[in-house]
Amino acid sequence: MALPPRTAATTLTALAVLVTLSLPVGPAYADDTDPSAPPGSVTTSPPPEVDGNSPGLKLADGATLAAAKVLDIKSIVEDLGGEERRVDTNENVTFALQAEVLFPKDSSKLNPEARSRIRAIADEIKAQNATTVRVFGFTDNLGSYAHGLTLSKNRAEIVHDELAAALGSTDVTFEVRGYSEDYPIADNASEQGRRKNRRVEVTFPRGASAASNES
């Protein structure tokens, strides 16, 4: 069951370029520099006009077509307030929840409504039959880096605990990390951007059947 948006959702879908020209997409990993694209940064453009009679479209004598390649599809769904964000690729599903949705200011104690949101993510993990889950915490650039590192890790741990309880399974392996202000998805120069950067991301592989049905 997908995490229901609280308000009308906007969906942005983009086709990535071929593998030789692609940049990695997805959540923040230890070696990534861009954990997820900020809202509005992924756009689509109309297809170019193609002349079917152009000689440039014809293969030269003896030429053959290259092997087919599967293009990655990235879908971003975000509610209008930006509190919840879901990113789907061919390989992974990522849920990003703003910290204010889950915790009081500068705290790692869950808000009353946070558990229902986290359990909805657990339902999606079950639906995808995922056995590996990454839970990453992030802050904005206010305050010291060390404080942000502790806070982001504590928040990720709390979300992990709630997910583990909701899943009720010992077959799921978790990776839990806090990244402080690293890997922002928006500009920290404004409060709106800082709200987006204060978040917890939950990422897990897509189920094989779900991926094949949508490809």
N, C-alpha and C. Protein backbone atom coordinates (compact mmCIF):
# COMPACT_ATOMS: atom_id res chain seq x y z
N MET A 1 0.85 -1.19 0.00
CA MET A 1 0.00 0.00 0.00
C MET A 1 0.88 1.23 0.00
N ALA A 2 0.71 2.11 -1.00
CA ALA A 2 1.55 3.30 -1.08
C ALA A 2 1.17 4.27 0.00
N LEU A 3 2.12 5.12 0.40
CA LEU A 3 1.88 6.13 1.44
C LEU A 3 0.93 7.18 0.90
N PRO A 4 -0.31 7.32 1.43
CA PRO A 4 -1.30 8.24 0.85
C PRO A 4 -0.91 9.68 1.09
N PRO A 5 -0.99 10.54 0.08
CA PRO A 5 -0.70 11.95 0.28
C PRO A 5 -1.81 12.59 1.07
N ARG A 6 -1.42 13.61 1.85
CA ARG A 6 -2.44 14.30 2.65
C ARG A 6 -3.19 15.30 1.80
N THR A 7 -2.60 15.78 0.74
CA THR A 7 -3.25 16.70 -0.17
C THR A 7 -3.04 16.21 -1.57
N ALA A 8 -3.54 17.03 -2.54
CA ALA A 8 -3.35 16.63 -3.93
C ALA A 8 -1.89 16.48 -4.23
N ALA A 9 -1.57 15.42 -4.95
CA ALA A 9 -0.16 15.13 -5.23
C ALA A 9 0.18 15.54 -6.65
N THR A 10 1.39 15.94 -6.86
CA THR A 10 1.90 16.21 -8.19
C THR A 10 2.92 15.16 -8.53
N THR A 11 2.89 14.74 -9.77
CA THR A 11 3.78 13.66 -10.20
C THR A 11 4.66 14.14 -11.33
N LEU A 12 5.91 13.94 -11.17
CA LEU A 12 6.87 14.26 -12.21
C LEU A 12 7.55 12.98 -12.61
N THR A 13 7.55 12.69 -13.91
CA THR A 13 8.19 11.46 -14.40
C THR A 13 9.19 11.84 -15.47
N ALA A 14 10.39 11.31 -15.40
CA ALA A 14 11.42 11.65 -16.38
C ALA A 14 12.13 10.39 -16.80
N LEU A 15 12.55 10.37 -18.06
CA LEU A 15 13.38 9.30 -18.57
C LEU A 15 14.83 9.70 -18.42
N ALA A 16 15.64 8.84 -17.84
CA ALA A 16 17.06 9.12 -17.71
C ALA A 16 17.74 8.84 -19.03
N VAL A 17 18.94 9.38 -19.26
CA VAL A 17 19.69 9.14 -20.48
C VAL A 17 20.29 7.76 -20.43
N LEU A 18 20.90 7.31 -21.57
CA LEU A 18 21.51 5.99 -21.63
C LEU A 18 22.57 5.83 -20.57
N VAL A 19 22.89 4.57 -20.25
CA VAL A 19 23.78 4.26 -19.13
C VAL A 19 25.10 5.00 -19.25
N THR A 20 25.60 5.16 -20.47
CA THR A 20 26.91 5.78 -20.63
C THR A 20 26.91 7.25 -20.28
N LEU A 21 25.70 7.85 -20.24
CA LEU A 21 25.62 9.27 -19.93
C LEU A 21 24.87 9.55 -18.65
N SER A 22 24.45 8.51 -17.93
CA SER A 22 23.56 8.71 -16.79
C SER A 22 24.32 9.05 -15.53
N LEU A 23 23.63 9.79 -14.68
CA LEU A 23 24.11 10.07 -13.34
C LEU A 23 23.31 9.22 -12.38
N PRO A 24 23.87 8.77 -11.26
CA PRO A 24 23.13 7.92 -10.33
C PRO A 24 21.97 8.65 -9.71
N VAL A 25 20.87 7.92 -9.53
CA VAL A 25 19.72 8.48 -8.85
C VAL A 25 19.41 7.64 -7.65
N GLY A 26 18.64 8.21 -6.73
CA GLY A 26 18.28 7.41 -5.57
C GLY A 26 18.62 8.13 -4.29
N PRO A 27 18.58 7.45 -3.20
CA PRO A 27 18.82 8.07 -1.91
C PRO A 27 20.29 8.33 -1.67
N ALA A 28 20.59 8.97 -0.55
CA ALA A 28 21.97 9.28 -0.24
C ALA A 28 22.68 8.05 0.29
N TYR A 29 23.69 7.62 -0.41
CA TYR A 29 24.56 6.58 0.08
C TYR A 29 25.87 7.22 0.49
N ALA A 30 26.73 6.42 1.10
CA ALA A 30 27.98 6.96 1.60
C ALA A 30 28.81 7.59 0.50
N ASP A 31 28.72 7.03 -0.75
CA ASP A 31 29.55 7.53 -1.82
C ASP A 31 28.80 8.43 -2.78
N ASP A 32 27.51 8.66 -2.57
CA ASP A 32 26.73 9.49 -3.48
C ASP A 32 26.92 10.97 -3.16
N THR A 33 26.71 11.81 -4.17
CA THR A 33 26.78 13.24 -3.96
C THR A 33 25.41 13.89 -4.09
N ASP A 34 24.42 13.15 -4.61
CA ASP A 34 23.08 13.70 -4.78
C ASP A 34 22.06 12.63 -4.40
N PRO A 35 21.55 12.63 -3.15
CA PRO A 35 20.70 11.54 -2.70
C PRO A 35 19.38 11.44 -3.42
N SER A 36 18.80 12.57 -3.79
CA SER A 36 17.55 12.57 -4.51
C SER A 36 17.34 13.95 -5.09
N ALA A 37 16.68 14.03 -6.24
CA ALA A 37 16.52 15.30 -6.92
C ALA A 37 15.51 16.18 -6.19
N PRO A 38 15.81 17.47 -6.00
CA PRO A 38 14.84 18.37 -5.35
C PRO A 38 13.58 18.48 -6.18
N PRO A 39 12.44 18.70 -5.53
CA PRO A 39 11.19 18.85 -6.27
C PRO A 39 11.30 19.94 -7.32
N GLY A 40 10.81 19.66 -8.51
CA GLY A 40 10.85 20.65 -9.58
C GLY A 40 12.10 20.59 -10.43
N SER A 41 13.09 19.80 -10.03
CA SER A 41 14.33 19.76 -10.80
C SER A 41 14.28 18.75 -11.92
N VAL A 42 13.29 17.85 -11.88
CA VAL A 42 13.14 16.84 -12.92
C VAL A 42 11.98 17.24 -13.80
N THR A 43 12.24 17.51 -15.07
CA THR A 43 11.21 17.96 -15.99
C THR A 43 11.21 17.10 -17.24
N THR A 44 10.13 17.19 -17.97
CA THR A 44 10.04 16.49 -19.24
C THR A 44 9.93 17.50 -20.36
N SER A 45 10.34 17.13 -21.56
CA SER A 45 10.25 18.00 -22.72
C SER A 45 9.60 17.22 -23.85
N PRO A 46 8.96 17.93 -24.82
CA PRO A 46 8.30 17.22 -25.92
C PRO A 46 9.32 16.50 -26.78
N PRO A 47 8.93 15.37 -27.38
CA PRO A 47 9.87 14.63 -28.22
C PRO A 47 10.23 15.42 -29.46
N PRO A 48 11.46 15.29 -29.96
CA PRO A 48 11.86 16.03 -31.17
C PRO A 48 11.14 15.47 -32.40
N GLU A 49 10.94 16.34 -33.39
CA GLU A 49 10.34 15.89 -34.64
C GLU A 49 11.36 15.09 -35.44
N VAL A 50 10.92 13.99 -35.99
CA VAL A 50 11.80 13.10 -36.73
C VAL A 50 11.28 12.93 -38.15
N ASP A 51 12.16 13.13 -39.13
CA ASP A 51 11.82 12.92 -40.53
C ASP A 51 12.08 11.46 -40.88
N GLY A 52 11.02 10.70 -41.10
CA GLY A 52 11.16 9.28 -41.37
C GLY A 52 11.89 8.97 -42.67
N ASN A 53 11.98 9.96 -43.56
CA ASN A 53 12.64 9.74 -44.84
C ASN A 53 14.10 10.20 -44.83
N SER A 54 14.57 10.67 -43.70
CA SER A 54 15.95 11.17 -43.64
C SER A 54 16.94 10.05 -43.88
N PRO A 55 17.93 10.26 -44.78
CA PRO A 55 18.93 9.22 -45.02
C PRO A 55 19.78 8.93 -43.78
N GLY A 56 19.84 9.88 -42.86
CA GLY A 56 20.63 9.67 -41.65
C GLY A 56 20.05 8.61 -40.74
N LEU A 57 18.78 8.22 -40.98
CA LEU A 57 18.15 7.19 -40.17
C LEU A 57 18.39 5.79 -40.72
N LYS A 58 18.99 5.72 -41.90
CA LYS A 58 19.21 4.42 -42.52
C LYS A 58 20.58 3.87 -42.16
N LEU A 59 20.66 2.57 -41.92
CA LEU A 59 21.92 1.93 -41.61
C LEU A 59 22.79 1.84 -42.86
N ALA A 60 24.07 2.09 -42.67
CA ALA A 60 25.00 1.91 -43.77
C ALA A 60 25.14 0.43 -44.10
N ASP A 61 25.63 0.15 -45.29
CA ASP A 61 25.82 -1.24 -45.69
C ASP A 61 26.72 -1.97 -44.69
N GLY A 62 26.28 -3.10 -44.22
CA GLY A 62 27.08 -3.89 -43.28
C GLY A 62 26.93 -3.48 -41.83
N ALA A 63 26.23 -2.38 -41.56
CA ALA A 63 26.07 -1.92 -40.17
C ALA A 63 24.96 -2.70 -39.50
N THR A 64 25.04 -2.80 -38.17
CA THR A 64 24.02 -3.49 -37.38
C THR A 64 23.62 -2.61 -36.21
N LEU A 65 22.44 -2.85 -35.70
CA LEU A 65 21.95 -2.10 -34.56
C LEU A 65 22.67 -2.54 -33.29
N ALA A 66 22.92 -1.60 -32.39
CA ALA A 66 23.51 -1.93 -31.10
C ALA A 66 22.48 -2.68 -30.26
N ALA A 67 22.98 -3.37 -29.23
CA ALA A 67 22.08 -4.10 -28.34
C ALA A 67 21.13 -3.14 -27.64
N ALA A 68 19.92 -3.58 -27.44
CA ALA A 68 18.93 -2.74 -26.78
C ALA A 68 19.31 -2.49 -25.33
N LYS A 69 19.01 -1.29 -24.84
CA LYS A 69 19.30 -0.94 -23.46
C LYS A 69 18.02 -0.49 -22.78
N VAL A 70 17.87 -0.85 -21.53
CA VAL A 70 16.69 -0.47 -20.75
C VAL A 70 16.96 0.89 -20.11
N LEU A 71 16.08 1.84 -20.39
CA LEU A 71 16.20 3.16 -19.80
C LEU A 71 15.57 3.15 -18.41
N ASP A 72 16.22 3.83 -17.47
CA ASP A 72 15.70 3.92 -16.12
C ASP A 72 14.57 4.93 -16.07
N ILE A 73 13.52 4.61 -15.36
CA ILE A 73 12.39 5.51 -15.20
C ILE A 73 12.36 6.00 -13.76
N LYS A 74 12.28 7.29 -13.61
CA LYS A 74 12.25 7.87 -12.27
C LYS A 74 10.96 8.64 -12.09
N SER A 75 10.18 8.26 -11.11
CA SER A 75 8.91 8.91 -10.83
C SER A 75 8.97 9.54 -9.45
N ILE A 76 8.56 10.80 -9.36
CA ILE A 76 8.56 11.52 -8.09
C ILE A 76 7.15 11.99 -7.78
N VAL A 77 6.66 11.61 -6.62
CA VAL A 77 5.34 12.04 -6.16
C VAL A 77 5.52 12.76 -4.83
N GLU A 78 5.02 13.98 -4.76
CA GLU A 78 5.17 14.78 -3.54
C GLU A 78 3.87 15.50 -3.25
N ASP A 79 3.47 15.53 -1.98
CA ASP A 79 2.27 16.29 -1.66
C ASP A 79 2.61 17.77 -1.74
N LEU A 80 1.57 18.60 -1.80
CA LEU A 80 1.78 20.02 -2.06
C LEU A 80 2.57 20.70 -0.96
N GLY A 81 2.49 20.19 0.26
CA GLY A 81 3.25 20.78 1.35
C GLY A 81 4.68 20.28 1.41
N GLY A 82 5.01 19.26 0.65
CA GLY A 82 6.35 18.71 0.66
C GLY A 82 6.65 17.86 1.87
N GLU A 83 5.62 17.54 2.66
CA GLU A 83 5.87 16.76 3.88
C GLU A 83 6.24 15.32 3.57
N GLU A 84 5.65 14.78 2.53
CA GLU A 84 5.92 13.40 2.14
C GLU A 84 6.34 13.38 0.67
N ARG A 85 7.30 12.54 0.38
CA ARG A 85 7.82 12.46 -0.98
C ARG A 85 8.18 11.02 -1.29
N ARG A 86 7.73 10.53 -2.44
CA ARG A 86 8.06 9.17 -2.86
C ARG A 86 8.78 9.22 -4.20
N VAL A 87 9.90 8.52 -4.27
CA VAL A 87 10.67 8.44 -5.51
C VAL A 87 10.76 6.97 -5.91
N ASP A 88 10.31 6.65 -7.13
CA ASP A 88 10.39 5.29 -7.66
C ASP A 88 11.34 5.26 -8.84
N THR A 89 12.25 4.30 -8.85
CA THR A 89 13.05 4.00 -10.03
C THR A 89 12.82 2.53 -10.38
N ASN A 90 13.48 2.07 -11.42
CA ASN A 90 13.33 0.66 -11.78
C ASN A 90 13.81 -0.27 -10.68
N GLU A 91 14.71 0.23 -9.83
CA GLU A 91 15.34 -0.63 -8.84
C GLU A 91 14.88 -0.38 -7.41
N ASN A 92 14.59 0.87 -7.05
CA ASN A 92 14.35 1.21 -5.64
C ASN A 92 13.09 2.04 -5.45
N VAL A 93 12.61 2.02 -4.22
CA VAL A 93 11.55 2.92 -3.76
C VAL A 93 12.11 3.70 -2.58
N THR A 94 11.94 5.02 -2.61
CA THR A 94 12.41 5.87 -1.51
C THR A 94 11.28 6.73 -1.00
N PHE A 95 11.04 6.67 0.30
CA PHE A 95 10.11 7.58 0.96
C PHE A 95 10.93 8.60 1.75
N ALA A 96 10.61 9.86 1.59
CA ALA A 96 11.25 10.92 2.37
C ALA A 96 10.18 11.65 3.17
N LEU A 97 10.35 11.71 4.46
CA LEU A 97 9.43 12.41 5.35
C LEU A 97 10.15 13.57 6.01
N GLN A 98 9.58 14.77 5.93
CA GLN A 98 10.19 15.91 6.59
C GLN A 98 10.21 15.67 8.10
N ALA A 99 11.27 16.15 8.73
CA ALA A 99 11.44 15.91 10.16
C ALA A 99 10.28 16.47 10.97
N GLU A 100 9.71 17.61 10.53
CA GLU A 100 8.61 18.21 11.28
C GLU A 100 7.38 17.31 11.32
N VAL A 101 7.24 16.44 10.33
CA VAL A 101 6.12 15.51 10.30
C VAL A 101 6.30 14.43 11.36
N LEU A 102 7.55 14.10 11.65
CA LEU A 102 7.85 13.00 12.55
C LEU A 102 8.19 13.42 13.97
N PHE A 103 8.88 14.56 14.13
CA PHE A 103 9.46 14.92 15.42
C PHE A 103 9.20 16.38 15.79
N PRO A 104 9.15 16.69 17.08
CA PRO A 104 9.19 18.08 17.49
C PRO A 104 10.55 18.70 17.15
N LYS A 105 10.63 20.01 17.22
CA LYS A 105 11.87 20.70 16.87
C LYS A 105 13.03 20.22 17.75
N ASP A 106 14.15 19.90 17.09
CA ASP A 106 15.39 19.50 17.76
C ASP A 106 15.18 18.30 18.68
N SER A 107 14.30 17.38 18.27
CA SER A 107 13.98 16.22 19.10
C SER A 107 13.97 14.96 18.25
N SER A 108 14.16 13.82 18.90
CA SER A 108 14.04 12.53 18.22
C SER A 108 12.89 11.71 18.81
N LYS A 109 11.94 12.38 19.45
CA LYS A 109 10.75 11.72 19.97
C LYS A 109 9.63 11.85 18.94
N LEU A 110 9.01 10.74 18.57
CA LEU A 110 8.02 10.75 17.51
C LEU A 110 6.78 11.56 17.87
N ASN A 111 6.24 12.29 16.88
CA ASN A 111 4.95 12.95 17.03
C ASN A 111 3.85 11.89 17.06
N PRO A 112 2.67 12.23 17.60
CA PRO A 112 1.57 11.26 17.67
C PRO A 112 1.19 10.66 16.32
N GLU A 113 1.20 11.48 15.25
CA GLU A 113 0.77 10.98 13.94
C GLU A 113 1.90 10.29 13.18
N ALA A 114 3.10 10.33 13.69
CA ALA A 114 4.24 9.79 12.95
C ALA A 114 4.14 8.28 12.75
N ARG A 115 3.65 7.57 13.75
CA ARG A 115 3.63 6.10 13.68
C ARG A 115 2.77 5.60 12.53
N SER A 116 1.63 6.25 12.28
CA SER A 116 0.78 5.81 11.17
C SER A 116 1.47 6.01 9.83
N ARG A 117 2.24 7.08 9.69
CA ARG A 117 2.96 7.33 8.45
C ARG A 117 4.06 6.29 8.25
N ILE A 118 4.78 5.98 9.33
CA ILE A 118 5.87 5.01 9.23
C ILE A 118 5.31 3.62 8.96
N ARG A 119 4.18 3.28 9.57
CA ARG A 119 3.60 1.97 9.35
C ARG A 119 3.07 1.82 7.94
N ALA A 120 2.65 2.91 7.32
CA ALA A 120 2.25 2.86 5.91
C ALA A 120 3.45 2.52 5.03
N ILE A 121 4.63 3.03 5.40
CA ILE A 121 5.85 2.67 4.67
C ILE A 121 6.17 1.19 4.90
N ALA A 122 5.98 0.72 6.12
CA ALA A 122 6.20 -0.70 6.40
C ALA A 122 5.29 -1.58 5.55
N ASP A 123 4.05 -1.16 5.32
CA ASP A 123 3.14 -1.91 4.47
C ASP A 123 3.68 -2.00 3.04
N GLU A 124 4.29 -0.90 2.58
CA GLU A 124 4.86 -0.93 1.22
C GLU A 124 6.09 -1.82 1.16
N ILE A 125 6.89 -1.83 2.22
CA ILE A 125 8.05 -2.73 2.27
C ILE A 125 7.59 -4.18 2.17
N LYS A 126 6.51 -4.50 2.89
CA LYS A 126 5.96 -5.86 2.81
C LYS A 126 5.46 -6.17 1.41
N ALA A 127 4.78 -5.19 0.80
CA ALA A 127 4.23 -5.40 -0.54
C ALA A 127 5.32 -5.66 -1.56
N GLN A 128 6.48 -5.03 -1.36
CA GLN A 128 7.60 -5.21 -2.28
C GLN A 128 8.47 -6.42 -1.91
N ASN A 129 8.14 -7.08 -0.81
CA ASN A 129 8.93 -8.23 -0.34
C ASN A 129 10.40 -7.88 -0.15
N ALA A 130 10.66 -6.67 0.33
CA ALA A 130 12.04 -6.21 0.50
C ALA A 130 12.66 -6.83 1.74
N THR A 131 13.91 -7.22 1.62
CA THR A 131 14.64 -7.79 2.76
C THR A 131 15.80 -6.91 3.18
N THR A 132 16.04 -5.81 2.48
CA THR A 132 17.05 -4.84 2.88
C THR A 132 16.42 -3.45 2.87
N VAL A 133 16.63 -2.72 3.93
CA VAL A 133 16.02 -1.39 4.07
C VAL A 133 17.08 -0.42 4.59
N ARG A 134 17.19 0.72 3.95
CA ARG A 134 18.09 1.78 4.40
C ARG A 134 17.28 2.89 5.05
N VAL A 135 17.69 3.33 6.22
CA VAL A 135 17.02 4.42 6.92
C VAL A 135 18.08 5.48 7.19
N PHE A 136 17.99 6.62 6.49
CA PHE A 136 19.00 7.67 6.58
C PHE A 136 18.36 8.96 7.11
N GLY A 137 19.04 9.58 8.08
CA GLY A 137 18.58 10.84 8.63
C GLY A 137 19.43 12.01 8.14
N PHE A 138 18.79 13.18 7.98
CA PHE A 138 19.47 14.38 7.48
C PHE A 138 18.96 15.61 8.24
N THR A 139 19.80 16.62 8.34
CA THR A 139 19.40 17.89 8.94
C THR A 139 19.71 19.03 7.97
N ASP A 140 19.36 20.26 8.38
CA ASP A 140 19.79 21.42 7.60
C ASP A 140 21.17 21.85 8.08
N ASN A 141 21.62 23.03 7.64
CA ASN A 141 22.98 23.47 8.00
C ASN A 141 23.02 24.41 9.19
N LEU A 142 21.90 24.52 9.92
CA LEU A 142 21.90 25.35 11.13
C LEU A 142 22.47 24.56 12.30
N GLY A 143 23.18 25.23 13.19
CA GLY A 143 23.80 24.54 14.30
C GLY A 143 25.08 23.86 13.86
N SER A 144 25.74 23.19 14.79
CA SER A 144 27.02 22.55 14.49
C SER A 144 26.82 21.26 13.70
N TYR A 145 27.83 20.90 12.95
CA TYR A 145 27.78 19.66 12.18
C TYR A 145 27.67 18.45 13.12
N ALA A 146 28.40 18.50 14.22
CA ALA A 146 28.40 17.38 15.16
C ALA A 146 27.01 17.18 15.77
N HIS A 147 26.34 18.28 16.13
CA HIS A 147 24.99 18.17 16.68
C HIS A 147 24.04 17.58 15.63
N GLY A 148 24.17 18.05 14.39
CA GLY A 148 23.33 17.52 13.33
C GLY A 148 23.57 16.05 13.09
N LEU A 149 24.82 15.62 13.23
CA LEU A 149 25.15 14.21 13.03
C LEU A 149 24.46 13.34 14.07
N THR A 150 24.51 13.79 15.32
CA THR A 150 23.87 13.03 16.40
C THR A 150 22.35 13.01 16.24
N LEU A 151 21.78 14.20 15.93
CA LEU A 151 20.33 14.29 15.80
C LEU A 151 19.82 13.45 14.63
N SER A 152 20.50 13.55 13.49
CA SER A 152 20.05 12.81 12.32
C SER A 152 20.16 11.30 12.53
N LYS A 153 21.21 10.86 13.22
CA LYS A 153 21.36 9.43 13.51
C LYS A 153 20.29 8.96 14.49
N ASN A 154 20.04 9.74 15.54
CA ASN A 154 19.01 9.35 16.51
C ASN A 154 17.64 9.25 15.86
N ARG A 155 17.32 10.19 14.98
CA ARG A 155 16.03 10.16 14.30
C ARG A 155 15.92 8.95 13.38
N ALA A 156 17.00 8.64 12.68
CA ALA A 156 16.99 7.46 11.83
C ALA A 156 16.80 6.18 12.66
N GLU A 157 17.43 6.14 13.83
CA GLU A 157 17.29 4.97 14.70
C GLU A 157 15.85 4.81 15.18
N ILE A 158 15.20 5.91 15.52
CA ILE A 158 13.82 5.85 16.00
C ILE A 158 12.90 5.35 14.88
N VAL A 159 13.09 5.86 13.67
CA VAL A 159 12.27 5.41 12.55
C VAL A 159 12.55 3.93 12.28
N HIS A 160 13.81 3.52 12.38
CA HIS A 160 14.15 2.11 12.23
C HIS A 160 13.40 1.25 13.23
N ASP A 161 13.40 1.68 14.50
CA ASP A 161 12.74 0.91 15.55
C ASP A 161 11.25 0.74 15.25
N GLU A 162 10.62 1.82 14.78
CA GLU A 162 9.19 1.77 14.48
C GLU A 162 8.92 0.88 13.27
N LEU A 163 9.77 0.96 12.26
CA LEU A 163 9.61 0.11 11.09
C LEU A 163 9.78 -1.36 11.46
N ALA A 164 10.81 -1.66 12.25
CA ALA A 164 11.07 -3.04 12.64
C ALA A 164 9.89 -3.61 13.42
N ALA A 165 9.31 -2.80 14.29
CA ALA A 165 8.16 -3.26 15.06
C ALA A 165 6.96 -3.51 14.16
N ALA A 166 6.75 -2.63 13.18
CA ALA A 166 5.61 -2.78 12.28
C ALA A 166 5.79 -3.98 11.35
N LEU A 167 7.03 -4.23 10.93
CA LEU A 167 7.28 -5.37 10.03
C LEU A 167 7.20 -6.69 10.78
N GLY A 168 7.64 -6.68 12.04
CA GLY A 168 7.57 -7.89 12.84
C GLY A 168 8.31 -9.06 12.25
N SER A 169 9.42 -8.79 11.55
CA SER A 169 10.17 -9.86 10.88
C SER A 169 11.65 -9.71 11.17
N THR A 170 12.32 -10.83 11.33
CA THR A 170 13.77 -10.81 11.54
C THR A 170 14.51 -11.04 10.23
N ASP A 171 13.76 -11.13 9.12
CA ASP A 171 14.38 -11.40 7.82
C ASP A 171 14.81 -10.13 7.11
N VAL A 172 14.53 -8.96 7.68
CA VAL A 172 14.87 -7.70 7.05
C VAL A 172 16.17 -7.16 7.65
N THR A 173 17.10 -6.82 6.78
CA THR A 173 18.37 -6.24 7.21
C THR A 173 18.30 -4.73 7.03
N PHE A 174 18.61 -3.99 8.09
CA PHE A 174 18.55 -2.54 8.06
C PHE A 174 19.95 -1.94 8.01
N GLU A 175 20.07 -0.84 7.28
CA GLU A 175 21.26 0.00 7.33
C GLU A 175 20.80 1.37 7.81
N VAL A 176 21.29 1.81 8.95
CA VAL A 176 20.82 3.04 9.58
C VAL A 176 21.99 4.01 9.72
N ARG A 177 21.81 5.23 9.20
CA ARG A 177 22.88 6.22 9.25
C ARG A 177 22.33 7.62 9.44
N GLY A 178 23.15 8.49 10.00
CA GLY A 178 22.84 9.91 10.08
C GLY A 178 23.90 10.68 9.33
N TYR A 179 23.46 11.66 8.54
CA TYR A 179 24.38 12.40 7.67
C TYR A 179 24.47 13.88 7.99
N SER A 180 23.83 14.33 9.07
CA SER A 180 23.86 15.75 9.42
C SER A 180 23.39 16.58 8.23
N GLU A 181 24.15 17.61 7.85
CA GLU A 181 23.73 18.51 6.76
C GLU A 181 24.21 18.05 5.39
N ASP A 182 24.91 16.91 5.33
CA ASP A 182 25.39 16.41 4.04
C ASP A 182 24.22 16.00 3.15
N TYR A 183 24.43 16.03 1.84
CA TYR A 183 23.46 15.61 0.84
C TYR A 183 22.13 16.37 0.91
N PRO A 184 22.16 17.70 0.89
CA PRO A 184 20.90 18.45 0.86
C PRO A 184 20.17 18.21 -0.46
N ILE A 185 18.86 18.28 -0.42
CA ILE A 185 18.05 18.16 -1.63
C ILE A 185 17.44 19.50 -2.02
N ALA A 186 17.69 20.54 -1.22
CA ALA A 186 17.18 21.88 -1.51
C ALA A 186 18.19 22.90 -0.97
N ASP A 187 17.94 24.17 -1.28
CA ASP A 187 18.85 25.24 -0.88
C ASP A 187 18.65 25.58 0.60
N ASN A 188 19.71 25.52 1.38
CA ASN A 188 19.61 25.85 2.80
C ASN A 188 19.51 27.35 3.07
N ALA A 189 19.52 28.17 2.02
CA ALA A 189 19.46 29.61 2.20
C ALA A 189 18.07 30.09 2.63
N SER A 190 17.05 29.25 2.44
CA SER A 190 15.69 29.63 2.82
C SER A 190 15.12 28.60 3.79
N GLU A 191 14.15 29.02 4.58
CA GLU A 191 13.51 28.10 5.52
C GLU A 191 12.76 27.00 4.77
N GLN A 192 12.18 27.35 3.63
CA GLN A 192 11.49 26.33 2.84
C GLN A 192 12.46 25.23 2.41
N GLY A 193 13.66 25.63 1.98
CA GLY A 193 14.66 24.65 1.59
C GLY A 193 15.16 23.84 2.78
N ARG A 194 15.36 24.53 3.91
CA ARG A 194 15.85 23.81 5.10
C ARG A 194 14.83 22.79 5.59
N ARG A 195 13.54 23.10 5.44
CA ARG A 195 12.51 22.12 5.84
C ARG A 195 12.62 20.85 5.01
N LYS A 196 12.90 21.00 3.72
CA LYS A 196 13.04 19.83 2.85
C LYS A 196 14.28 19.02 3.23
N ASN A 197 15.33 19.71 3.66
CA ASN A 197 16.58 19.02 4.01
C ASN A 197 16.49 18.30 5.35
N ARG A 198 15.66 18.79 6.25
CA ARG A 198 15.46 18.10 7.53
C ARG A 198 14.49 16.95 7.29
N ARG A 199 15.02 15.74 7.14
CA ARG A 199 14.18 14.64 6.69
C ARG A 199 14.76 13.30 7.11
N VAL A 200 13.93 12.27 6.99
CA VAL A 200 14.37 10.89 7.12
C VAL A 200 13.95 10.17 5.85
N GLU A 201 14.89 9.48 5.21
CA GLU A 201 14.61 8.74 3.99
C GLU A 201 14.64 7.23 4.27
N VAL A 202 13.66 6.53 3.74
CA VAL A 202 13.59 5.07 3.84
C VAL A 202 13.62 4.51 2.43
N THR A 203 14.62 3.68 2.14
CA THR A 203 14.82 3.16 0.79
C THR A 203 14.90 1.64 0.81
N PHE A 204 14.28 1.01 -0.18
CA PHE A 204 14.32 -0.45 -0.27
C PHE A 204 14.13 -0.85 -1.73
N PRO A 205 14.59 -2.06 -2.10
CA PRO A 205 14.47 -2.50 -3.50
C PRO A 205 13.01 -2.74 -3.88
N ARG A 206 12.73 -2.47 -5.13
CA ARG A 206 11.41 -2.79 -5.66
C ARG A 206 11.29 -4.28 -5.86
N GLY A 207 10.10 -4.81 -5.66
CA GLY A 207 9.86 -6.23 -5.92
C GLY A 207 9.98 -6.52 -7.41
N ALA A 208 10.46 -7.70 -7.76
CA ALA A 208 10.67 -8.06 -9.16
C ALA A 208 9.38 -7.99 -9.96
N SER A 209 8.28 -8.44 -9.37
CA SER A 209 7.01 -8.44 -10.09
C SER A 209 6.52 -7.02 -10.32
N ALA A 210 6.68 -6.13 -9.30
CA ALA A 210 6.22 -4.75 -9.46
C ALA A 210 7.03 -4.04 -10.51
N ALA A 211 8.36 -4.27 -10.51
CA ALA A 211 9.23 -3.59 -11.48
C ALA A 211 8.89 -4.02 -12.90
N SER A 212 8.62 -5.32 -13.11
CA SER A 212 8.34 -5.81 -14.45
C SER A 212 6.99 -5.34 -14.95
N ASN A 213 6.03 -5.17 -14.03
CA ASN A 213 4.70 -4.73 -14.44
C ASN A 213 4.71 -3.29 -14.92
N GLU A 214 5.66 -2.44 -14.39
CA GLU A 214 5.65 -1.04 -14.74
C GLU A 214 6.70 -0.70 -15.77
N SER A 215 7.53 -1.63 -16.18
CA SER A 215 8.58 -1.33 -17.15
C SER A 215 8.08 -1.48 -18.57
